[in-house]
Amino acid sequence: MGELVHRASQQLTELIRGELRLAQAEMKEKGRRYGKSGGLFGGAGVVGFLMLEALVATAIAALAVPLPVWAAALTITAVLGVIAAVMALTGKKQATRAAPPIPEQTIENVKADVAAINRSAHR
């Protein structure tokens, strides 16, 4: 009987170690894939940014047909500045709405729960 318990314990230990090795190998593979995907997403972001720069250059070139090049570039710069200002103001407004960064409703709910528990404990 003791020998059976010993073998069962040893087999269980080997099984657990094998499963841990398998989990480790699986996580390494997933980590490599996440790393590759992160690199590809980063590359896509850089290429997307370059695409936007090319779009701005295209807009300047299109406006340079009826206007001097400097005026076309100034016009596109002003439009981009207005867009940036609107986005910044909208972001500031959203940040103000989010402040303070504490879960106020959850805190109130927990206080109510604690009060209810205290009331029921005093009965």
PDB file of N, CA and C in Angstrom:
ATOM      1  N   MET A   1       0.821  -1.194   0.000  1.00  0.00           N
ATOM      2  CA  MET A   1       0.000   0.000   0.000  1.00  0.00           C
ATOM      3  C   MET A   1       0.864   1.257   0.000  1.00  0.00           C
ATOM      4  N   GLY A   2       1.908   1.252   0.817  1.00  0.00           N
ATOM      5  CA  GLY A   2       2.813   2.396   0.886  1.00  0.00           C
ATOM      6  C   GLY A   2       3.493   2.642  -0.443  1.00  0.00           C
ATOM      7  N   GLU A   3       3.857   1.556  -1.122  1.00  0.00           N
ATOM      8  CA  GLU A   3       4.498   1.676  -2.434  1.00  0.00           C
ATOM      9  C   GLU A   3       3.541   2.308  -3.445  1.00  0.00           C
ATOM     10  N   LEU A   4       2.268   1.935  -3.416  1.00  0.00           N
ATOM     11  CA  LEU A   4       1.270   2.514  -4.328  1.00  0.00           C
ATOM     12  C   LEU A   4       1.093   4.000  -4.079  1.00  0.00           C
ATOM     13  N   VAL A   5       1.017   4.389  -2.814  1.00  0.00           N
ATOM     14  CA  VAL A   5       0.871   5.808  -2.472  1.00  0.00           C
ATOM     15  C   VAL A   5       2.098   6.580  -2.942  1.00  0.00           C
ATOM     16  N   HIS A   6       3.278   5.995  -2.746  1.00  0.00           N
ATOM     17  CA  HIS A   6       4.522   6.646  -3.167  1.00  0.00           C
ATOM     18  C   HIS A   6       4.544   6.827  -4.683  1.00  0.00           C
ATOM     19  N   ARG A   7       4.179   5.764  -5.442  1.00  0.00           N
ATOM     20  CA  ARG A   7       4.169   5.856  -6.904  1.00  0.00           C
ATOM     21  C   ARG A   7       3.118   6.853  -7.396  1.00  0.00           C
ATOM     22  N   ALA A   8       1.958   6.831  -6.745  1.00  0.00           N
ATOM     23  CA  ALA A   8       0.910   7.777  -7.138  1.00  0.00           C
ATOM     24  C   ALA A   8       1.365   9.207  -6.893  1.00  0.00           C
ATOM     25  N   SER A   9       2.014   9.433  -5.766  1.00  0.00           N
ATOM     26  CA  SER A   9       2.524  10.769  -5.442  1.00  0.00           C
ATOM     27  C   SER A   9       3.582  11.192  -6.453  1.00  0.00           C
ATOM     28  N   GLN A  10       4.471  10.263  -6.803  1.00  0.00           N
ATOM     29  CA  GLN A  10       5.531  10.556  -7.761  1.00  0.00           C
ATOM     30  C   GLN A  10       4.942  10.842  -9.139  1.00  0.00           C
ATOM     31  N   GLN A  11       3.961  10.051  -9.558  1.00  0.00           N
ATOM     32  CA  GLN A  11       3.334  10.256 -10.862  1.00  0.00           C
ATOM     33  C   GLN A  11       2.584  11.588 -10.902  1.00  0.00           C
ATOM     34  N   LEU A  12       1.924  11.924  -9.803  1.00  0.00           N
ATOM     35  CA  LEU A  12       1.214  13.193  -9.734  1.00  0.00           C
ATOM     36  C   LEU A  12       2.197  14.358  -9.841  1.00  0.00           C
ATOM     37  N   THR A  13       3.327  14.234  -9.160  1.00  0.00           N
ATOM     38  CA  THR A  13       4.353  15.270  -9.225  1.00  0.00           C
ATOM     39  C   THR A  13       4.872  15.415 -10.652  1.00  0.00           C
ATOM     40  N   GLU A  14       5.152  14.284 -11.318  1.00  0.00           N
ATOM     41  CA  GLU A  14       5.625  14.330 -12.696  1.00  0.00           C
ATOM     42  C   GLU A  14       4.564  14.930 -13.621  1.00  0.00           C
ATOM     43  N   LEU A  15       3.317  14.582 -13.396  1.00  0.00           N
ATOM     44  CA  LEU A  15       2.231  15.126 -14.199  1.00  0.00           C
ATOM     45  C   LEU A  15       2.146  16.637 -14.048  1.00  0.00           C
ATOM     46  N   ILE A  16       2.215  17.106 -12.824  1.00  0.00           N
ATOM     47  CA  ILE A  16       2.137  18.547 -12.570  1.00  0.00           C
ATOM     48  C   ILE A  16       3.328  19.267 -13.203  1.00  0.00           C
ATOM     49  N   ARG A  17       4.530  18.704 -13.066  1.00  0.00           N
ATOM     50  CA  ARG A  17       5.710  19.325 -13.670  1.00  0.00           C
ATOM     51  C   ARG A  17       5.579  19.369 -15.191  1.00  0.00           C
ATOM     52  N   GLY A  18       5.078  18.270 -15.769  1.00  0.00           N
ATOM     53  CA  GLY A  18       4.874  18.229 -17.214  1.00  0.00           C
ATOM     54  C   GLY A  18       3.876  19.282 -17.668  1.00  0.00           C
ATOM     55  N   GLU A  19       2.803  19.435 -16.919  1.00  0.00           N
ATOM     56  CA  GLU A  19       1.799  20.447 -17.262  1.00  0.00           C
ATOM     57  C   GLU A  19       2.379  21.848 -17.134  1.00  0.00           C
ATOM     58  N   LEU A  20       3.203  22.063 -16.118  1.00  0.00           N
ATOM     59  CA  LEU A  20       3.833  23.379 -15.958  1.00  0.00           C
ATOM     60  C   LEU A  20       4.788  23.673 -17.115  1.00  0.00           C
ATOM     61  N   ARG A  21       5.553  22.646 -17.560  1.00  0.00           N
ATOM     62  CA  ARG A  21       6.446  22.842 -18.707  1.00  0.00           C
ATOM     63  C   ARG A  21       5.644  23.159 -19.964  1.00  0.00           C
ATOM     64  N   LEU A  22       4.528  22.452 -20.137  1.00  0.00           N
ATOM     65  CA  LEU A  22       3.669  22.712 -21.292  1.00  0.00           C
ATOM     66  C   LEU A  22       3.107  24.127 -21.239  1.00  0.00           C
ATOM     67  N   ALA A  23       2.644  24.549 -20.057  1.00  0.00           N
ATOM     68  CA  ALA A  23       2.108  25.908 -19.907  1.00  0.00           C
ATOM     69  C   ALA A  23       3.185  26.948 -20.190  1.00  0.00           C
ATOM     70  N   GLN A  24       4.404  26.677 -19.714  1.00  0.00           N
ATOM     71  CA  GLN A  24       5.507  27.615 -19.942  1.00  0.00           C
ATOM     72  C   GLN A  24       5.820  27.724 -21.431  1.00  0.00           C
ATOM     73  N   ALA A  25       5.877  26.583 -22.125  1.00  0.00           N
ATOM     74  CA  ALA A  25       6.157  26.603 -23.567  1.00  0.00           C
ATOM     75  C   ALA A  25       5.039  27.326 -24.317  1.00  0.00           C
ATOM     76  N   GLU A  26       3.791  27.076 -23.907  1.00  0.00           N
ATOM     77  CA  GLU A  26       2.656  27.731 -24.561  1.00  0.00           C
ATOM     78  C   GLU A  26       2.706  29.243 -24.359  1.00  0.00           C
ATOM     79  N   MET A  27       3.034  29.675 -23.151  1.00  0.00           N
ATOM     80  CA  MET A  27       3.093  31.110 -22.872  1.00  0.00           C
ATOM     81  C   MET A  27       4.261  31.772 -23.613  1.00  0.00           C
ATOM     82  N   LYS A  28       5.385  31.060 -23.775  1.00  0.00           N
ATOM     83  CA  LYS A  28       6.497  31.613 -24.555  1.00  0.00           C
ATOM     84  C   LYS A  28       6.062  31.862 -25.990  1.00  0.00           C
ATOM     85  N   GLU A  29       5.368  30.865 -26.567  1.00  0.00           N
ATOM     86  CA  GLU A  29       4.903  31.005 -27.944  1.00  0.00           C
ATOM     87  C   GLU A  29       3.921  32.162 -28.071  1.00  0.00           C
ATOM     88  N   LYS A  30       3.012  32.266 -27.120  1.00  0.00           N
ATOM     89  CA  LYS A  30       2.046  33.369 -27.160  1.00  0.00           C
ATOM     90  C   LYS A  30       2.759  34.704 -26.986  1.00  0.00           C
ATOM     91  N   GLY A  31       3.749  34.741 -26.127  1.00  0.00           N
ATOM     92  CA  GLY A  31       4.528  35.961 -25.927  1.00  0.00           C
ATOM     93  C   GLY A  31       5.228  36.401 -27.201  1.00  0.00           C
ATOM     94  N   ARG A  32       5.797  35.423 -27.923  1.00  0.00           N
ATOM     95  CA  ARG A  32       6.440  35.754 -29.204  1.00  0.00           C
ATOM     96  C   ARG A  32       5.425  36.331 -30.177  1.00  0.00           C
ATOM     97  N   ARG A  33       4.253  35.718 -30.220  1.00  0.00           N
ATOM     98  CA  ARG A  33       3.230  36.209 -31.147  1.00  0.00           C
ATOM     99  C   ARG A  33       2.756  37.601 -30.758  1.00  0.00           C
ATOM    100  N   TYR A  34       2.572  37.838 -29.443  1.00  0.00           N
ATOM    101  CA  TYR A  34       2.180  39.190 -29.011  1.00  0.00           C
ATOM    102  C   TYR A  34       3.278  40.196 -29.343  1.00  0.00           C
ATOM    103  N   GLY A  35       4.529  39.789 -29.190  1.00  0.00           N
ATOM    104  CA  GLY A  35       5.634  40.680 -29.542  1.00  0.00           C
ATOM    105  C   GLY A  35       5.623  41.038 -31.016  1.00  0.00           C
ATOM    106  N   LYS A  36       5.416  40.026 -31.864  1.00  0.00           N
ATOM    107  CA  LYS A  36       5.355  40.286 -33.298  1.00  0.00           C
ATOM    108  C   LYS A  36       4.174  41.195 -33.628  1.00  0.00           C
ATOM    109  N   SER A  37       3.024  40.915 -33.003  1.00  0.00           N
ATOM    110  CA  SER A  37       1.851  41.748 -33.310  1.00  0.00           C
ATOM    111  C   SER A  37       2.070  43.175 -32.844  1.00  0.00           C
ATOM    112  N   GLY A  38       2.721  43.359 -31.705  1.00  0.00           N
ATOM    113  CA  GLY A  38       3.019  44.714 -31.237  1.00  0.00           C
ATOM    114  C   GLY A  38       3.934  45.447 -32.201  1.00  0.00           C
ATOM    115  N   GLY A  39       4.942  44.742 -32.717  1.00  0.00           N
ATOM    116  CA  GLY A  39       5.830  45.348 -33.698  1.00  0.00           C
ATOM    117  C   GLY A  39       5.097  45.720 -34.977  1.00  0.00           C
ATOM    118  N   LEU A  40       4.206  44.822 -35.410  1.00  0.00           N
ATOM    119  CA  LEU A  40       3.445  45.110 -36.625  1.00  0.00           C
ATOM    120  C   LEU A  40       2.490  46.281 -36.422  1.00  0.00           C
ATOM    121  N   PHE A  41       1.849  46.349 -35.246  1.00  0.00           N
ATOM    122  CA  PHE A  41       0.972  47.490 -34.963  1.00  0.00           C
ATOM    123  C   PHE A  41       1.777  48.784 -34.919  1.00  0.00           C
ATOM    124  N   GLY A  42       2.957  48.739 -34.314  1.00  0.00           N
ATOM    125  CA  GLY A  42       3.811  49.923 -34.281  1.00  0.00           C
ATOM    126  C   GLY A  42       4.226  50.357 -35.678  1.00  0.00           C
ATOM    127  N   GLY A  43       4.599  49.381 -36.510  1.00  0.00           N
ATOM    128  CA  GLY A  43       4.951  49.682 -37.892  1.00  0.00           C
ATOM    129  C   GLY A  43       3.779  50.275 -38.654  1.00  0.00           C
ATOM    130  N   ALA A  44       2.584  49.721 -38.404  1.00  0.00           N
ATOM    131  CA  ALA A  44       1.389  50.258 -39.065  1.00  0.00           C
ATOM    132  C   ALA A  44       1.134  51.698 -38.622  1.00  0.00           C
ATOM    133  N   GLY A  45       1.395  51.996 -37.360  1.00  0.00           N
ATOM    134  CA  GLY A  45       1.226  53.364 -36.877  1.00  0.00           C
ATOM    135  C   GLY A  45       2.188  54.330 -37.556  1.00  0.00           C
ATOM    136  N   VAL A  46       3.437  53.898 -37.712  1.00  0.00           N
ATOM    137  CA  VAL A  46       4.427  54.759 -38.384  1.00  0.00           C
ATOM    138  C   VAL A  46       4.027  54.986 -39.841  1.00  0.00           C
ATOM    139  N   VAL A  47       3.643  53.907 -40.542  1.00  0.00           N
ATOM    140  CA  VAL A  47       3.253  54.040 -41.942  1.00  0.00           C
ATOM    141  C   VAL A  47       1.981  54.888 -42.064  1.00  0.00           C
ATOM    142  N   GLY A  48       1.044  54.721 -41.117  1.00  0.00           N
ATOM    143  CA  GLY A  48      -0.165  55.546 -41.125  1.00  0.00           C
ATOM    144  C   GLY A  48       0.163  57.020 -40.930  1.00  0.00           C
ATOM    145  N   PHE A  49       1.109  57.303 -40.039  1.00  0.00           N
ATOM    146  CA  PHE A  49       1.531  58.685 -39.827  1.00  0.00           C
ATOM    147  C   PHE A  49       2.164  59.257 -41.097  1.00  0.00           C
ATOM    148  N   LEU A  50       3.000  58.464 -41.740  1.00  0.00           N
ATOM    149  CA  LEU A  50       3.603  58.909 -43.005  1.00  0.00           C
ATOM    150  C   LEU A  50       2.532  59.144 -44.063  1.00  0.00           C
ATOM    151  N   MET A  51       1.501  58.296 -44.054  1.00  0.00           N
ATOM    152  CA  MET A  51       0.409  58.471 -45.001  1.00  0.00           C
ATOM    153  C   MET A  51      -0.294  59.812 -44.761  1.00  0.00           C
ATOM    154  N   LEU A  52      -0.518  60.154 -43.502  1.00  0.00           N
ATOM    155  CA  LEU A  52      -1.154  61.438 -43.198  1.00  0.00           C
ATOM    156  C   LEU A  52      -0.276  62.615 -43.628  1.00  0.00           C
ATOM    157  N   GLU A  53       1.032  62.461 -43.447  1.00  0.00           N
ATOM    158  CA  GLU A  53       1.929  63.517 -43.910  1.00  0.00           C
ATOM    159  C   GLU A  53       1.841  63.671 -45.432  1.00  0.00           C
ATOM    160  N   ALA A  54       1.763  62.540 -46.133  1.00  0.00           N
ATOM    161  CA  ALA A  54       1.625  62.596 -47.589  1.00  0.00           C
ATOM    162  C   ALA A  54       0.294  63.225 -47.984  1.00  0.00           C
ATOM    163  N   LEU A  55      -0.749  62.950 -47.207  1.00  0.00           N
ATOM    164  CA  LEU A  55      -2.054  63.554 -47.481  1.00  0.00           C
ATOM    165  C   LEU A  55      -1.998  65.072 -47.307  1.00  0.00           C
ATOM    166  N   VAL A  56      -1.306  65.530 -46.280  1.00  0.00           N
ATOM    167  CA  VAL A  56      -1.147  66.973 -46.079  1.00  0.00           C
ATOM    168  C   VAL A  56      -0.370  67.579 -47.248  1.00  0.00           C
ATOM    169  N   ALA A  57       0.687  66.901 -47.675  1.00  0.00           N
ATOM    170  CA  ALA A  57       1.456  67.405 -48.819  1.00  0.00           C
ATOM    171  C   ALA A  57       0.591  67.440 -50.087  1.00  0.00           C
ATOM    172  N   THR A  58      -0.261  66.426 -50.235  1.00  0.00           N
ATOM    173  CA  THR A  58      -1.168  66.396 -51.388  1.00  0.00           C
ATOM    174  C   THR A  58      -2.150  67.557 -51.333  1.00  0.00           C
ATOM    175  N   ALA A  59      -2.692  67.827 -50.140  1.00  0.00           N
ATOM    176  CA  ALA A  59      -3.628  68.945 -50.000  1.00  0.00           C
ATOM    177  C   ALA A  59      -2.936  70.274 -50.320  1.00  0.00           C
ATOM    178  N   ILE A  60      -1.699  70.424 -49.866  1.00  0.00           N
ATOM    179  CA  ILE A  60      -0.948  71.650 -50.171  1.00  0.00           C
ATOM    180  C   ILE A  60      -0.720  71.763 -51.676  1.00  0.00           C
ATOM    181  N   ALA A  61      -0.342  70.653 -52.297  1.00  0.00           N
ATOM    182  CA  ALA A  61      -0.103  70.676 -53.743  1.00  0.00           C
ATOM    183  C   ALA A  61      -1.383  71.003 -54.507  1.00  0.00           C
ATOM    184  N   ALA A  62      -2.516  70.463 -54.043  1.00  0.00           N
ATOM    185  CA  ALA A  62      -3.789  70.753 -54.717  1.00  0.00           C
ATOM    186  C   ALA A  62      -4.157  72.220 -54.579  1.00  0.00           C
ATOM    187  N   LEU A  63      -3.936  72.792 -53.388  1.00  0.00           N
ATOM    188  CA  LEU A  63      -4.236  74.219 -53.207  1.00  0.00           C
ATOM    189  C   LEU A  63      -3.216  75.114 -53.915  1.00  0.00           C
ATOM    190  N   ALA A  64      -2.045  74.565 -54.192  1.00  0.00           N
ATOM    191  CA  ALA A  64      -1.008  75.361 -54.858  1.00  0.00           C
ATOM    192  C   ALA A  64      -1.347  75.619 -56.324  1.00  0.00           C
ATOM    193  N   VAL A  65      -2.344  74.933 -56.845  1.00  0.00           N
ATOM    194  CA  VAL A  65      -2.750  75.191 -58.236  1.00  0.00           C
ATOM    195  C   VAL A  65      -3.386  76.581 -58.340  1.00  0.00           C
ATOM    196  N   PRO A  66      -4.407  76.900 -57.504  1.00  0.00           N
ATOM    197  CA  PRO A  66      -4.987  78.245 -57.621  1.00  0.00           C
ATOM    198  C   PRO A  66      -4.264  79.300 -56.778  1.00  0.00           C
ATOM    199  N   LEU A  67      -3.458  78.885 -55.792  1.00  0.00           N
ATOM    200  CA  LEU A  67      -2.775  79.821 -54.887  1.00  0.00           C
ATOM    201  C   LEU A  67      -1.264  79.634 -54.985  1.00  0.00           C
ATOM    202  N   PRO A  68      -0.506  80.625 -54.493  1.00  0.00           N
ATOM    203  CA  PRO A  68       0.939  80.403 -54.380  1.00  0.00           C
ATOM    204  C   PRO A  68       1.206  79.277 -53.364  1.00  0.00           C
ATOM    205  N   VAL A  69       2.329  78.611 -53.494  1.00  0.00           N
ATOM    206  CA  VAL A  69       2.647  77.481 -52.621  1.00  0.00           C
ATOM    207  C   VAL A  69       2.651  77.900 -51.154  1.00  0.00           C
ATOM    208  N   TRP A  70       3.218  79.057 -50.835  1.00  0.00           N
ATOM    209  CA  TRP A  70       3.262  79.496 -49.440  1.00  0.00           C
ATOM    210  C   TRP A  70       1.860  79.697 -48.882  1.00  0.00           C
ATOM    211  N   ALA A  71       0.945  80.218 -49.682  1.00  0.00           N
ATOM    212  CA  ALA A  71      -0.424  80.441 -49.213  1.00  0.00           C
ATOM    213  C   ALA A  71      -1.153  79.110 -49.016  1.00  0.00           C
ATOM    214  N   ALA A  72      -0.891  78.164 -49.906  1.00  0.00           N
ATOM    215  CA  ALA A  72      -1.509  76.841 -49.760  1.00  0.00           C
ATOM    216  C   ALA A  72      -1.018  76.165 -48.485  1.00  0.00           C
ATOM    217  N   ALA A  73       0.294  76.238 -48.242  1.00  0.00           N
ATOM    218  CA  ALA A  73       0.859  75.635 -47.033  1.00  0.00           C
ATOM    219  C   ALA A  73       0.324  76.328 -45.777  1.00  0.00           C
ATOM    220  N   LEU A  74       0.214  77.645 -45.809  1.00  0.00           N
ATOM    221  CA  LEU A  74      -0.317  78.393 -44.673  1.00  0.00           C
ATOM    222  C   LEU A  74      -1.781  78.041 -44.411  1.00  0.00           C
ATOM    223  N   THR A  75      -2.559  77.875 -45.458  1.00  0.00           N
ATOM    224  CA  THR A  75      -3.974  77.521 -45.309  1.00  0.00           C
ATOM    225  C   THR A  75      -4.114  76.151 -44.662  1.00  0.00           C
ATOM    226  N   ILE A  76      -3.371  75.170 -45.147  1.00  0.00           N
ATOM    227  CA  ILE A  76      -3.439  73.813 -44.581  1.00  0.00           C
ATOM    228  C   ILE A  76      -2.946  73.826 -43.137  1.00  0.00           C
ATOM    229  N   THR A  77      -1.902  74.594 -42.837  1.00  0.00           N
ATOM    230  CA  THR A  77      -1.399  74.704 -41.473  1.00  0.00           C
ATOM    231  C   THR A  77      -2.464  75.285 -40.553  1.00  0.00           C
ATOM    232  N   ALA A  78      -3.167  76.305 -41.014  1.00  0.00           N
ATOM    233  CA  ALA A  78      -4.225  76.918 -40.204  1.00  0.00           C
ATOM    234  C   ALA A  78      -5.365  75.929 -39.953  1.00  0.00           C
ATOM    235  N   VAL A  79      -5.762  75.184 -40.976  1.00  0.00           N
ATOM    236  CA  VAL A  79      -6.835  74.195 -40.812  1.00  0.00           C
ATOM    237  C   VAL A  79      -6.416  73.129 -39.798  1.00  0.00           C
ATOM    238  N   LEU A  80      -5.191  72.634 -39.916  1.00  0.00           N
ATOM    239  CA  LEU A  80      -4.699  71.637 -38.960  1.00  0.00           C
ATOM    240  C   LEU A  80      -4.620  72.219 -37.549  1.00  0.00           C
ATOM    241  N   GLY A  81      -4.241  73.486 -37.432  1.00  0.00           N
ATOM    242  CA  GLY A  81      -4.196  74.139 -36.117  1.00  0.00           C
ATOM    243  C   GLY A  81      -5.572  74.230 -35.488  1.00  0.00           C
ATOM    244  N   VAL A  82      -6.585  74.566 -36.285  1.00  0.00           N
ATOM    245  CA  VAL A  82      -7.962  74.627 -35.764  1.00  0.00           C
ATOM    246  C   VAL A  82      -8.419  73.247 -35.312  1.00  0.00           C
ATOM    247  N   ILE A  83      -8.140  72.223 -36.124  1.00  0.00           N
ATOM    248  CA  ILE A  83      -8.522  70.852 -35.739  1.00  0.00           C
ATOM    249  C   ILE A  83      -7.834  70.453 -34.442  1.00  0.00           C
ATOM    250  N   ALA A  84      -6.539  70.764 -34.315  1.00  0.00           N
ATOM    251  CA  ALA A  84      -5.803  70.431 -33.094  1.00  0.00           C
ATOM    252  C   ALA A  84      -6.379  71.166 -31.884  1.00  0.00           C
ATOM    253  N   ALA A  85      -6.736  72.436 -32.050  1.00  0.00           N
ATOM    254  CA  ALA A  85      -7.301  73.214 -30.949  1.00  0.00           C
ATOM    255  C   ALA A  85      -8.645  72.644 -30.509  1.00  0.00           C
ATOM    256  N   VAL A  86      -9.503  72.301 -31.466  1.00  0.00           N
ATOM    257  CA  VAL A  86     -10.811  71.723 -31.130  1.00  0.00           C
ATOM    258  C   VAL A  86     -10.628  70.402 -30.396  1.00  0.00           C
ATOM    259  N   MET A  87      -9.692  69.569 -30.871  1.00  0.00           N
ATOM    260  CA  MET A  87      -9.449  68.282 -30.202  1.00  0.00           C
ATOM    261  C   MET A  87      -8.911  68.489 -28.789  1.00  0.00           C
ATOM    262  N   ALA A  88      -8.008  69.459 -28.615  1.00  0.00           N
ATOM    263  CA  ALA A  88      -7.441  69.730 -27.291  1.00  0.00           C
ATOM    264  C   ALA A  88      -8.518  70.229 -26.333  1.00  0.00           C
ATOM    265  N   LEU A  89      -9.371  71.135 -26.788  1.00  0.00           N
ATOM    266  CA  LEU A  89     -10.439  71.643 -25.923  1.00  0.00           C
ATOM    267  C   LEU A  89     -11.440  70.553 -25.557  1.00  0.00           C
ATOM    268  N   THR A  90     -11.764  69.694 -26.533  1.00  0.00           N
ATOM    269  CA  THR A  90     -12.668  68.581 -26.254  1.00  0.00           C
ATOM    270  C   THR A  90     -12.039  67.616 -25.263  1.00  0.00           C
ATOM    271  N   GLY A  91     -10.752  67.345 -25.416  1.00  0.00           N
ATOM    272  CA  GLY A  91     -10.039  66.477 -24.473  1.00  0.00           C
ATOM    273  C   GLY A  91     -10.004  67.062 -23.080  1.00  0.00           C
ATOM    274  N   LYS A  92      -9.788  68.380 -22.982  1.00  0.00           N
ATOM    275  CA  LYS A  92      -9.768  69.042 -21.676  1.00  0.00           C
ATOM    276  C   LYS A  92     -11.136  68.942 -21.019  1.00  0.00           C
ATOM    277  N   LYS A  93     -12.186  69.117 -21.807  1.00  0.00           N
ATOM    278  CA  LYS A  93     -13.549  69.027 -21.290  1.00  0.00           C
ATOM    279  C   LYS A  93     -13.822  67.617 -20.745  1.00  0.00           C
ATOM    280  N   GLN A  94     -13.387  66.601 -21.485  1.00  0.00           N
ATOM    281  CA  GLN A  94     -13.581  65.216 -21.048  1.00  0.00           C
ATOM    282  C   GLN A  94     -12.780  64.927 -19.774  1.00  0.00           C
ATOM    283  N   ALA A  95     -11.566  65.457 -19.689  1.00  0.00           N
ATOM    284  CA  ALA A  95     -10.744  65.242 -18.501  1.00  0.00           C
ATOM    285  C   ALA A  95     -11.375  65.912 -17.281  1.00  0.00           C
ATOM    286  N   THR A  96     -11.969  67.087 -17.468  1.00  0.00           N
ATOM    287  CA  THR A  96     -12.638  67.781 -16.374  1.00  0.00           C
ATOM    288  C   THR A  96     -13.835  66.971 -15.882  1.00  0.00           C
ATOM    289  N   ARG A  97     -14.577  66.376 -16.806  1.00  0.00           N
ATOM    290  CA  ARG A  97     -15.726  65.558 -16.428  1.00  0.00           C
ATOM    291  C   ARG A  97     -15.300  64.309 -15.656  1.00  0.00           C
ATOM    292  N   ALA A  98     -14.120  63.800 -15.942  1.00  0.00           N
ATOM    293  CA  ALA A  98     -13.649  62.559 -15.315  1.00  0.00           C
ATOM    294  C   ALA A  98     -13.102  62.805 -13.909  1.00  0.00           C
ATOM    295  N   ALA A  99     -12.736  64.037 -13.587  1.00  0.00           N
ATOM    296  CA  ALA A  99     -12.115  64.342 -12.297  1.00  0.00           C
ATOM    297  C   ALA A  99     -13.160  64.333 -11.187  1.00  0.00           C
ATOM    298  N   PRO A 100     -12.828  63.982  -9.997  1.00  0.00           N
ATOM    299  CA  PRO A 100     -11.576  63.375  -9.558  1.00  0.00           C
ATOM    300  C   PRO A 100     -11.536  61.892  -9.928  1.00  0.00           C
ATOM    301  N   PRO A 101     -10.332  61.341 -10.064  1.00  0.00           N
ATOM    302  CA  PRO A 101     -10.218  59.958 -10.519  1.00  0.00           C
ATOM    303  C   PRO A 101     -10.462  58.927  -9.404  1.00  0.00           C
ATOM    304  N   ILE A 102     -11.630  59.009  -8.806  1.00  0.00           N
ATOM    305  CA  ILE A 102     -12.003  58.025  -7.781  1.00  0.00           C
ATOM    306  C   ILE A 102     -13.392  57.494  -8.112  1.00  0.00           C
ATOM    307  N   PRO A 103     -13.667  56.253  -7.761  1.00  0.00           N
ATOM    308  CA  PRO A 103     -14.984  55.663  -8.051  1.00  0.00           C
ATOM    309  C   PRO A 103     -16.025  56.132  -7.038  1.00  0.00           C
ATOM    310  N   GLU A 104     -16.543  57.329  -7.226  1.00  0.00           N
ATOM    311  CA  GLU A 104     -17.437  57.939  -6.241  1.00  0.00           C
ATOM    312  C   GLU A 104     -18.695  57.109  -5.985  1.00  0.00           C
ATOM    313  N   GLN A 105     -19.327  56.633  -7.044  1.00  0.00           N
ATOM    314  CA  GLN A 105     -20.562  55.867  -6.877  1.00  0.00           C
ATOM    315  C   GLN A 105     -20.290  54.565  -6.129  1.00  0.00           C
ATOM    316  N   THR A 106     -19.186  53.910  -6.434  1.00  0.00           N
ATOM    317  CA  THR A 106     -18.835  52.671  -5.740  1.00  0.00           C
ATOM    318  C   THR A 106     -18.595  52.936  -4.261  1.00  0.00           C
ATOM    319  N   ILE A 107     -17.923  54.027  -3.946  1.00  0.00           N
ATOM    320  CA  ILE A 107     -17.665  54.374  -2.539  1.00  0.00           C
ATOM    321  C   ILE A 107     -18.984  54.579  -1.804  1.00  0.00           C
ATOM    322  N   GLU A 108     -19.909  55.281  -2.444  1.00  0.00           N
ATOM    323  CA  GLU A 108     -21.217  55.501  -1.817  1.00  0.00           C
ATOM    324  C   GLU A 108     -21.951  54.182  -1.616  1.00  0.00           C
ATOM    325  N   ASN A 109     -21.880  53.292  -2.600  1.00  0.00           N
ATOM    326  CA  ASN A 109     -22.530  51.984  -2.466  1.00  0.00           C
ATOM    327  C   ASN A 109     -21.920  51.166  -1.338  1.00  0.00           C
ATOM    328  N   VAL A 110     -20.596  51.196  -1.205  1.00  0.00           N
ATOM    329  CA  VAL A 110     -19.934  50.460  -0.133  1.00  0.00           C
ATOM    330  C   VAL A 110     -20.327  51.035   1.220  1.00  0.00           C
ATOM    331  N   LYS A 111     -20.398  52.354   1.331  1.00  0.00           N
ATOM    332  CA  LYS A 111     -20.822  52.981   2.589  1.00  0.00           C
ATOM    333  C   LYS A 111     -22.239  52.546   2.947  1.00  0.00           C
ATOM    334  N   ALA A 112     -23.120  52.517   1.939  1.00  0.00           N
ATOM    335  CA  ALA A 112     -24.501  52.079   2.185  1.00  0.00           C
ATOM    336  C   ALA A 112     -24.529  50.616   2.607  1.00  0.00           C
ATOM    337  N   ASP A 113     -23.707  49.780   1.983  1.00  0.00           N
ATOM    338  CA  ASP A 113     -23.646  48.364   2.358  1.00  0.00           C
ATOM    339  C   ASP A 113     -23.158  48.193   3.789  1.00  0.00           C
ATOM    340  N   VAL A 114     -22.119  48.934   4.160  1.00  0.00           N
ATOM    341  CA  VAL A 114     -21.588  48.852   5.522  1.00  0.00           C
ATOM    342  C   VAL A 114     -22.633  49.314   6.531  1.00  0.00           C
ATOM    343  N   ALA A 115     -23.353  50.386   6.205  1.00  0.00           N
ATOM    344  CA  ALA A 115     -24.402  50.878   7.101  1.00  0.00           C
ATOM    345  C   ALA A 115     -25.508  49.834   7.253  1.00  0.00           C
ATOM    346  N   ALA A 116     -25.883  49.173   6.158  1.00  0.00           N
ATOM    347  CA  ALA A 116     -26.913  48.152   6.227  1.00  0.00           C
ATOM    348  C   ALA A 116     -26.460  46.966   7.067  1.00  0.00           C
ATOM    349  N   ILE A 117     -25.191  46.582   6.919  1.00  0.00           N
ATOM    350  CA  ILE A 117     -24.658  45.478   7.714  1.00  0.00           C
ATOM    351  C   ILE A 117     -24.645  45.854   9.187  1.00  0.00           C
ATOM    352  N   ASN A 118     -24.238  47.096   9.488  1.00  0.00           N
ATOM    353  CA  ASN A 118     -24.213  47.546  10.894  1.00  0.00           C
ATOM    354  C   ASN A 118     -25.612  47.555  11.479  1.00  0.00           C
ATOM    355  N   ARG A 119     -26.599  48.030  10.705  1.00  0.00           N
ATOM    356  CA  ARG A 119     -27.986  48.042  11.211  1.00  0.00           C
ATOM    357  C   ARG A 119     -28.475  46.634  11.496  1.00  0.00           C
ATOM    358  N   SER A 120     -28.191  45.697  10.600  1.00  0.00           N
ATOM    359  CA  SER A 120     -28.670  44.329  10.808  1.00  0.00           C
ATOM    360  C   SER A 120     -27.903  43.646  11.936  1.00  0.00           C
ATOM    361  N   ALA A 121     -26.677  44.045  12.188  1.00  0.00           N
ATOM    362  CA  ALA A 121     -25.888  43.435  13.275  1.00  0.00           C
ATOM    363  C   ALA A 121     -26.370  43.936  14.631  1.00  0.00           C
ATOM    364  N   HIS A 122     -26.926  45.137  14.693  1.00  0.00           N
ATOM    365  CA  HIS A 122     -27.392  45.698  15.962  1.00  0.00           C
ATOM    366  C   HIS A 122     -28.774  45.205  16.329  1.00  0.00           C
ATOM    367  N   ARG A 123     -29.463  44.501  15.454  1.00  0.00           N
ATOM    368  CA  ARG A 123     -30.808  44.017  15.762  1.00  0.00           C
ATOM    369  C   ARG A 123     -30.791  42.844  16.645  1.00  0.00           C
TER     370      ARG A 123
END
